[in-house]
């Protein structure tokens, strides 16, 4: 049986006031095409369907379109809620969805829901475990000592029967770590690396594959069979160099799992460029890449510029961030501070004017010198 593992769709997300719904539909269409080409039996969605607990009507519409297309093509869906989702809202209509082989578990409960599928090798049990916090587990098991997410997951799995002779898949949305530090991005604001939110990958030894959501970079956690699919799109510039993909899992007989990935192409890439205004508006530079990409631009002009964002947007319409970086003659750190302290007020004013205008301001300096003189006289 073949599965496609995806997560962290964040439908309805806006980055720097740019709505990404068109980008999200574009990449979901790719995922559908991959599923058809690979003749996948099912799609596993490991949480964060939406970017907020109350999603927009447009975001809900895109997910509805996606599920409908998956169902029309004879595939089943197993989907859980993530920390960005409202479990109650995701659970709406889930019993009706089951008739179309769409299995949704939005809200955490004491009993982990298990979906059984069969192929030539027998049963595959898919365990749906939505995002939860330790406080929820403490409420179910007050006699247990639960101080961290690891403790909570350990108690949850300990009280969940698993037939280890059969093939088992777990879908969950948590911060699971392996032996190496995980790759995290700015868009995962809830994660505290090195804190009590970490869960060891060793808790999932009973499962043949663990489909994780939460981290946006595709990566394994401890071993190949425990992995994050990553988000299908870049949602911050800290993800600029990530290669987005989907995970394909082919399960054969017990103990034999083949895992590979398929790269996704974004409608608009997210990247950073830098240089002076004249260079960035040069036709030769413009032709180097897609001007409609989502850009963070570092301007290195030393002179003051009039409305640089408007000029850049004439060429780069999807400018997300603009930062002005001026190269200071004094350098940085304590050495720069000492040099500044050594300068007189008139020298500092002269340097400031030259830095912001790009030329010597003799008339303004004469006025400033008179003001400094009058100030000293009054004191």
Protein backbone atom coordinates (compact mmCIF):
# COMPACT_ATOMS: atom_id res chain seq x y z
CA UNK A 1 0.00 0.00 0.00
CA UNK A 2 1.30 3.45 -0.90
CA UNK A 3 0.77 6.67 1.06
CA UNK A 4 1.60 10.34 0.60
CA UNK A 5 2.57 12.18 3.79
CA UNK A 6 2.01 15.94 3.97
CA UNK A 7 1.56 18.42 6.83
CA UNK A 8 1.53 22.10 7.83
CA UNK A 9 -0.60 23.35 4.95
CA UNK A 10 -1.48 26.52 6.91
CA UNK A 11 -4.29 27.30 4.51
CA UNK A 12 -5.24 30.97 4.59
CA UNK A 13 -1.81 32.11 5.74
CA UNK A 14 -0.71 35.68 5.06
CA UNK A 15 2.98 36.60 5.02
CA UNK A 16 3.92 40.28 5.17
CA UNK A 17 0.35 41.21 4.20
CA UNK A 18 0.45 38.99 1.09
CA UNK A 19 -2.27 36.33 0.97
CA UNK A 20 -0.92 32.96 -0.18
CA UNK A 21 -4.18 31.22 -1.11
CA UNK A 22 -3.33 31.09 -4.84
CA UNK A 23 0.09 29.66 -4.02
CA UNK A 24 -1.48 27.08 -1.72
CA UNK A 25 -4.00 25.92 -4.31
CA UNK A 26 -1.20 25.72 -6.88
CA UNK A 27 0.92 23.43 -4.68
CA UNK A 28 -2.07 21.30 -3.59
CA UNK A 29 -2.79 20.70 -7.28
CA UNK A 30 0.77 19.40 -7.62
CA UNK A 31 0.25 17.08 -4.66
CA UNK A 32 -2.89 15.71 -6.30
CA UNK A 33 -1.00 15.11 -9.55
CA UNK A 34 1.80 13.32 -7.69
CA UNK A 35 -0.76 11.16 -5.88
CA UNK A 36 -2.36 10.18 -9.20
CA UNK A 37 0.95 9.53 -10.95
CA UNK A 38 2.23 7.42 -8.06
CA UNK A 39 -1.12 5.62 -7.77
CA UNK A 40 -1.21 6.35 -4.05
CA UNK A 41 -3.84 4.60 -1.96
CA UNK A 42 -4.12 7.30 0.67
CA UNK A 43 -2.96 10.71 1.89
CA UNK A 44 -1.80 11.27 5.48
CA UNK A 45 -2.12 14.87 6.70
CA UNK A 46 -0.24 15.48 9.95
CA UNK A 47 -1.91 18.64 11.24
CA UNK A 48 -1.99 22.43 10.83
CA UNK A 49 -4.50 22.28 8.02
CA UNK A 50 -5.33 25.92 8.60
CA UNK A 51 -3.20 28.81 9.78
CA UNK A 52 -5.66 29.88 12.45
CA UNK A 53 -8.33 28.29 14.61
CA UNK A 54 -11.08 30.24 12.79
CA UNK A 55 -10.09 29.89 9.12
CA UNK A 56 -11.40 32.11 6.35
CA UNK A 57 -14.16 30.89 4.06
CA UNK A 58 -11.64 30.84 1.19
CA UNK A 59 -9.25 28.60 3.14
CA UNK A 60 -12.06 26.18 4.00
CA UNK A 61 -13.12 26.20 0.35
CA UNK A 62 -9.65 25.18 -0.83
CA UNK A 63 -9.50 22.28 1.63
CA UNK A 64 -12.99 21.19 0.57
CA UNK A 65 -11.87 21.22 -3.08
CA UNK A 66 -8.75 19.21 -2.22
CA UNK A 67 -10.63 16.52 -0.24
CA UNK A 68 -13.28 16.25 -2.96
CA UNK A 69 -10.68 15.68 -5.66
CA UNK A 70 -8.84 13.10 -3.55
CA UNK A 71 -12.08 11.23 -2.92
CA UNK A 72 -13.08 11.33 -6.62
CA UNK A 73 -9.81 9.61 -7.47
CA UNK A 74 -10.49 6.71 -5.12
CA UNK A 75 -7.96 7.61 -2.43
CA UNK A 76 -8.64 7.81 1.28
CA UNK A 77 -7.50 10.57 3.64
CA UNK A 78 -6.36 10.36 7.26
CA UNK A 79 -6.11 13.81 8.81
CA UNK A 80 -5.41 15.15 12.31
CA UNK A 81 -5.56 18.56 13.96
CA UNK A 82 -2.41 20.56 14.68
CA UNK A 83 -1.69 23.33 17.16
CA UNK A 84 -2.97 25.97 14.70
CA UNK A 85 -6.26 24.16 14.10
CA UNK A 86 -9.49 24.16 16.05
CA UNK A 87 -10.15 20.49 16.80
CA UNK A 88 -13.86 21.11 17.22
CA UNK A 89 -14.16 22.79 13.83
CA UNK A 90 -12.15 20.09 12.07
CA UNK A 91 -14.36 17.41 13.61
CA UNK A 92 -17.50 18.91 12.10
CA UNK A 93 -19.16 16.38 9.79
CA UNK A 94 -16.45 13.76 10.26
CA UNK A 95 -18.97 10.91 10.48
CA UNK A 96 -20.41 11.93 7.09
CA UNK A 97 -16.89 12.19 5.65
CA UNK A 98 -16.20 8.59 6.65
CA UNK A 99 -18.64 7.46 3.97
CA UNK A 100 -16.21 8.98 1.45
CA UNK A 101 -13.15 7.39 3.14
CA UNK A 102 -12.08 10.71 4.67
CA UNK A 103 -11.07 10.17 8.28
CA UNK A 104 -10.58 13.32 10.34
CA UNK A 105 -9.56 13.48 14.00
CA UNK A 106 -9.35 17.10 15.02
CA UNK A 107 -9.59 16.96 18.79
CA UNK A 108 -7.43 14.99 21.23
CA UNK A 109 -9.26 12.45 23.38
CA UNK A 110 -8.36 9.62 25.72
CA UNK A 111 -8.86 6.95 23.07
CA UNK A 112 -6.66 7.17 19.99
CA UNK A 113 -8.71 6.57 16.87
CA UNK A 114 -7.44 3.73 14.65
CA UNK A 115 -8.29 3.27 10.97
CA UNK A 116 -7.74 -0.18 9.46
CA UNK A 117 -6.88 -0.63 5.79
CA UNK A 118 -6.06 -3.89 4.04
CA UNK A 119 -3.84 -4.92 1.15
CA UNK A 120 -2.25 -8.12 -0.14
CA UNK A 121 -0.07 -8.37 2.98
CA UNK A 122 -2.91 -7.98 5.49
CA UNK A 123 -4.00 -5.14 7.78
CA UNK A 124 -2.40 -1.73 8.22
CA UNK A 125 -3.49 0.18 11.32
CA UNK A 126 -3.32 3.97 11.07
CA UNK A 127 -3.36 5.69 14.50
CA UNK A 128 -4.65 9.29 14.53
CA UNK A 129 -3.20 11.36 17.37
CA UNK A 130 -3.94 15.12 17.13
CA UNK A 131 -1.88 17.80 18.83
CA UNK A 132 -2.23 17.89 22.62
CA UNK A 133 -0.65 19.60 25.61
CA UNK A 134 0.52 17.95 28.84
CA UNK A 135 -2.29 19.62 30.82
CA UNK A 136 -4.84 17.65 28.78
CA UNK A 137 -3.13 14.37 29.60
CA UNK A 138 -2.87 15.28 33.29
CA UNK A 139 -6.65 15.65 33.30
CA UNK A 140 -7.03 12.09 32.00
CA UNK A 141 -4.35 10.53 34.22
CA UNK A 142 -4.19 12.59 37.44
CA UNK A 143 -2.23 9.89 39.25
CA UNK A 144 0.68 10.12 36.78
CA UNK A 145 3.62 12.50 37.07
CA UNK A 146 3.58 14.52 33.85
CA UNK A 147 6.00 17.43 33.61
CA UNK A 148 6.73 17.62 29.89
CA UNK A 149 5.42 16.77 26.44
CA UNK A 150 7.65 13.68 26.49
CA UNK A 151 6.03 12.47 29.71
CA UNK A 152 2.57 13.14 28.28
CA UNK A 153 3.25 11.25 25.04
CA UNK A 154 4.75 8.34 26.96
CA UNK A 155 1.59 8.02 29.09
CA UNK A 156 -0.71 8.33 26.08
CA UNK A 157 1.09 5.59 24.14
CA UNK A 158 1.45 3.37 27.19
CA UNK A 159 -2.33 3.32 27.54
CA UNK A 160 -2.92 2.66 23.85
CA UNK A 161 -2.85 -1.00 22.71
CA UNK A 162 -0.78 -1.70 19.59
CA UNK A 163 -0.56 -5.00 17.72
CA UNK A 164 3.17 -4.98 17.05
CA UNK A 165 2.91 -8.03 14.79
CA UNK A 166 0.82 -6.00 12.35
CA UNK A 167 1.92 -2.93 10.39
CA UNK A 168 1.26 0.35 12.18
CA UNK A 169 1.40 4.00 11.15
CA UNK A 170 1.13 6.88 13.62
CA UNK A 171 0.09 10.37 12.51
CA UNK A 172 0.83 13.04 15.11
CA UNK A 173 1.67 16.74 15.39
CA UNK A 174 4.37 17.28 18.00
CA UNK A 175 7.97 18.41 18.41
CA UNK A 176 9.75 15.06 18.09
CA UNK A 177 13.55 15.13 18.14
CA UNK A 178 16.25 12.66 17.19
CA UNK A 179 19.94 12.52 17.98
CA UNK A 180 20.76 15.66 15.98
CA UNK A 181 19.27 19.12 16.66
CA UNK A 182 16.25 19.65 14.40
CA UNK A 183 16.06 22.32 11.71
CA UNK A 184 13.54 24.93 12.84
CA UNK A 185 12.31 28.12 11.20
CA UNK A 186 10.96 31.49 12.32
CA UNK A 187 7.40 30.48 11.44
CA UNK A 188 7.40 27.83 14.20
CA UNK A 189 7.02 30.42 16.95
CA UNK A 190 5.44 28.05 19.47
CA UNK A 191 8.48 25.78 19.58
CA UNK A 192 11.03 26.28 22.32
CA UNK A 193 14.14 24.41 21.21
CA UNK A 194 15.81 22.74 24.17
CA UNK A 195 12.71 23.07 26.36
CA UNK A 196 10.07 20.77 27.76
CA UNK A 197 8.26 20.51 24.41
CA UNK A 198 10.71 17.98 23.00
CA UNK A 199 9.62 14.35 22.63
CA UNK A 200 12.21 11.64 22.00
CA UNK A 201 11.86 9.63 18.80
CA UNK A 202 12.46 6.47 20.84
CA UNK A 203 8.84 6.50 22.03
CA UNK A 204 7.69 5.49 18.55
CA UNK A 205 9.56 2.21 18.10
CA UNK A 206 6.29 0.24 17.95
CA UNK A 207 5.28 1.99 14.71
CA UNK A 208 6.52 1.06 11.25
CA UNK A 209 6.19 4.69 10.18
CA UNK A 210 5.49 7.90 12.11
CA UNK A 211 4.12 10.78 10.05
CA UNK A 212 4.98 14.02 11.84
CA UNK A 213 3.80 17.58 11.47
CA UNK A 214 5.02 20.74 13.24
CA UNK A 215 8.45 21.53 11.75
CA UNK A 216 8.40 23.18 8.33
CA UNK A 217 11.66 21.74 7.05
CA UNK A 218 11.45 18.18 5.65
CA UNK A 219 13.64 16.00 7.84
CA UNK A 220 13.83 12.75 9.75
CA UNK A 221 13.72 12.54 13.53
CA UNK A 222 16.13 9.90 14.76
CA UNK A 223 15.54 7.43 11.92
CA UNK A 224 14.13 7.33 8.40
CA UNK A 225 10.76 5.91 9.48
CA UNK A 226 10.05 8.87 11.78
CA UNK A 227 9.91 12.07 9.78
CA UNK A 228 8.45 15.48 9.15
CA UNK A 229 7.13 16.04 5.65
CA UNK A 230 7.62 19.77 6.15
CA UNK A 231 5.29 22.48 4.87
CA UNK A 232 4.55 22.44 1.12
CA UNK A 233 5.42 26.14 0.84
CA UNK A 234 7.98 28.51 2.35
CA UNK A 235 6.31 30.57 5.05
CA UNK A 236 9.24 32.70 6.22
CA UNK A 237 12.62 33.80 4.91
CA UNK A 238 14.27 31.43 7.38
CA UNK A 239 12.92 28.69 5.07
CA UNK A 240 14.47 30.30 2.01
CA UNK A 241 16.88 27.45 1.26
CA UNK A 242 14.59 24.56 2.15
CA UNK A 243 13.60 22.16 -0.63
CA UNK A 244 9.88 21.55 -0.19
CA UNK A 245 8.58 18.08 -0.97
CA UNK A 246 6.09 15.37 -0.14
CA UNK A 247 6.99 12.00 1.37
CA UNK A 248 5.92 8.77 -0.32
CA UNK A 249 5.74 5.64 1.80
CA UNK A 250 5.28 2.22 0.27
CA UNK A 251 4.49 -0.45 2.85
CA UNK A 252 4.92 -4.06 1.87
CA UNK A 253 5.23 -6.95 4.27
CA UNK A 254 5.96 -6.28 7.95
CA UNK A 255 9.40 -4.74 8.34
CA UNK A 256 9.69 -3.57 4.75
CA UNK A 257 9.02 0.12 4.21
CA UNK A 258 10.28 2.11 1.24
CA UNK A 259 10.48 5.89 1.66
CA UNK A 260 11.25 8.53 -0.95
CA UNK A 261 10.34 12.14 -1.68
CA UNK A 262 8.98 14.19 -4.57
CA UNK A 263 10.00 17.84 -4.90
CA UNK A 264 7.34 20.55 -5.05
CA UNK A 265 7.60 23.71 -7.14
CA UNK A 266 6.16 26.93 -5.78
CA UNK A 267 4.11 29.38 -7.81
CA UNK A 268 6.43 32.09 -6.47
CA UNK A 269 9.74 31.31 -4.79
CA UNK A 270 10.87 33.14 -1.65
CA UNK A 271 14.37 34.59 -1.78
CA UNK A 272 16.66 37.41 -0.68
CA UNK A 273 18.59 39.79 -2.91
CA UNK A 274 20.81 42.74 -2.05
CA UNK A 275 22.69 45.59 -3.63
CA UNK A 276 22.37 49.28 -4.47
CA UNK A 277 19.21 50.53 -6.16
CA UNK A 278 20.90 51.16 -9.52
CA UNK A 279 22.15 47.56 -9.67
CA UNK A 280 18.83 45.99 -8.65
CA UNK A 281 17.03 47.94 -11.40
CA UNK A 282 19.60 46.99 -14.02
CA UNK A 283 17.99 44.97 -16.89
CA UNK A 284 20.81 42.37 -16.80
CA UNK A 285 20.17 41.71 -13.11
CA UNK A 286 16.37 41.67 -13.53
CA UNK A 287 16.63 38.91 -16.15
CA UNK A 288 18.55 36.61 -13.80
CA UNK A 289 15.43 35.34 -11.96
CA UNK A 290 11.65 35.63 -11.72
CA UNK A 291 10.76 39.20 -10.75
CA UNK A 292 7.44 37.97 -9.29
CA UNK A 293 9.11 35.92 -6.55
CA UNK A 294 8.47 36.87 -2.93
CA UNK A 295 11.49 38.99 -2.10
CA UNK A 296 13.37 40.35 0.85
CA UNK A 297 15.61 43.12 -0.42
CA UNK A 298 18.61 44.60 1.35
CA UNK A 299 19.40 48.02 -0.14
CA UNK A 300 23.04 49.02 0.29
CA UNK A 301 22.82 52.64 -0.91
CA UNK A 302 24.60 55.02 1.42
CA UNK A 303 22.67 58.06 0.23
CA UNK A 304 19.09 58.82 1.26
CA UNK A 305 16.49 57.48 -1.21
CA UNK A 306 13.03 58.84 -1.94
CA UNK A 307 10.37 56.09 -1.56
CA UNK A 308 12.62 53.16 -2.56
CA UNK A 309 9.85 50.58 -1.95
CA UNK A 310 7.64 52.11 -4.65
CA UNK A 311 10.49 52.14 -7.18
CA UNK A 312 11.37 48.53 -6.44
CA UNK A 313 7.74 47.35 -6.61
CA UNK A 314 7.51 48.65 -10.18
CA UNK A 315 9.90 45.81 -11.05
CA UNK A 316 9.40 43.42 -8.11
CA UNK A 317 5.63 43.48 -7.39
CA UNK A 318 5.83 40.86 -4.62
CA UNK A 319 8.35 42.70 -2.46
CA UNK A 320 7.74 41.43 1.09
CA UNK A 321 10.52 43.07 3.08
CA UNK A 322 12.77 46.03 2.43
CA UNK A 323 15.76 46.72 4.65
CA UNK A 324 18.18 49.60 4.27
CA UNK A 325 21.72 48.60 5.18
CA UNK A 326 24.32 51.37 5.25
CA UNK A 327 27.99 50.56 5.53
CA UNK A 328 29.48 52.67 8.32
CA UNK A 329 33.03 53.83 8.08
CA UNK A 330 33.60 53.20 11.77
CA UNK A 331 32.91 49.46 11.62
CA UNK A 332 31.00 47.89 14.52
CA UNK A 333 31.11 46.90 18.16
CA UNK A 334 33.14 48.58 20.93
CA UNK A 335 35.75 49.91 18.50
CA UNK A 336 33.09 51.84 16.59
CA UNK A 337 31.66 53.19 19.85
CA UNK A 338 35.07 54.50 20.94
CA UNK A 339 35.58 56.22 17.60
CA UNK A 340 32.18 57.90 17.89
CA UNK A 341 32.98 59.13 21.42
CA UNK A 342 36.23 60.68 20.17
CA UNK A 343 34.39 62.82 17.62
CA UNK A 344 33.13 66.34 18.28
CA UNK A 345 29.43 67.19 17.80
CA UNK A 346 30.20 68.99 14.54
CA UNK A 347 32.16 65.99 13.20
CA UNK A 348 29.33 63.65 14.08
CA UNK A 349 26.79 65.93 12.40
CA UNK A 350 28.95 66.21 9.29
CA UNK A 351 29.34 62.41 9.06
CA UNK A 352 25.60 61.91 9.53
CA UNK A 353 24.69 64.35 6.76
CA UNK A 354 27.19 62.81 4.37
CA UNK A 355 25.90 59.30 5.16
CA UNK A 356 22.24 60.16 4.54
CA UNK A 357 22.67 62.46 1.52
CA UNK A 358 25.80 61.06 -0.09
CA UNK A 359 27.50 64.46 -0.36
CA UNK A 360 28.94 67.24 1.78
CA UNK A 361 26.30 69.63 3.13
CA UNK A 362 28.26 72.85 3.63
CA UNK A 363 25.25 75.18 4.07
CA UNK A 364 23.59 72.91 6.64
CA UNK A 365 26.89 72.50 8.46
CA UNK A 366 27.31 76.28 8.73
CA UNK A 367 23.83 76.51 10.33
CA UNK A 368 24.60 73.65 12.73
CA UNK A 369 27.90 75.23 13.74
CA UNK A 370 26.11 78.48 14.58
CA UNK A 371 23.56 76.55 16.66
CA UNK A 372 26.31 74.68 18.52
CA UNK A 373 28.08 77.99 19.19
CA UNK A 374 24.88 79.64 20.50
CA UNK A 375 24.22 76.63 22.70
CA UNK A 376 27.66 76.83 24.28
CA UNK A 377 27.25 80.56 24.87
CA UNK A 378 23.92 80.08 26.68
CA UNK A 379 25.33 77.34 28.92
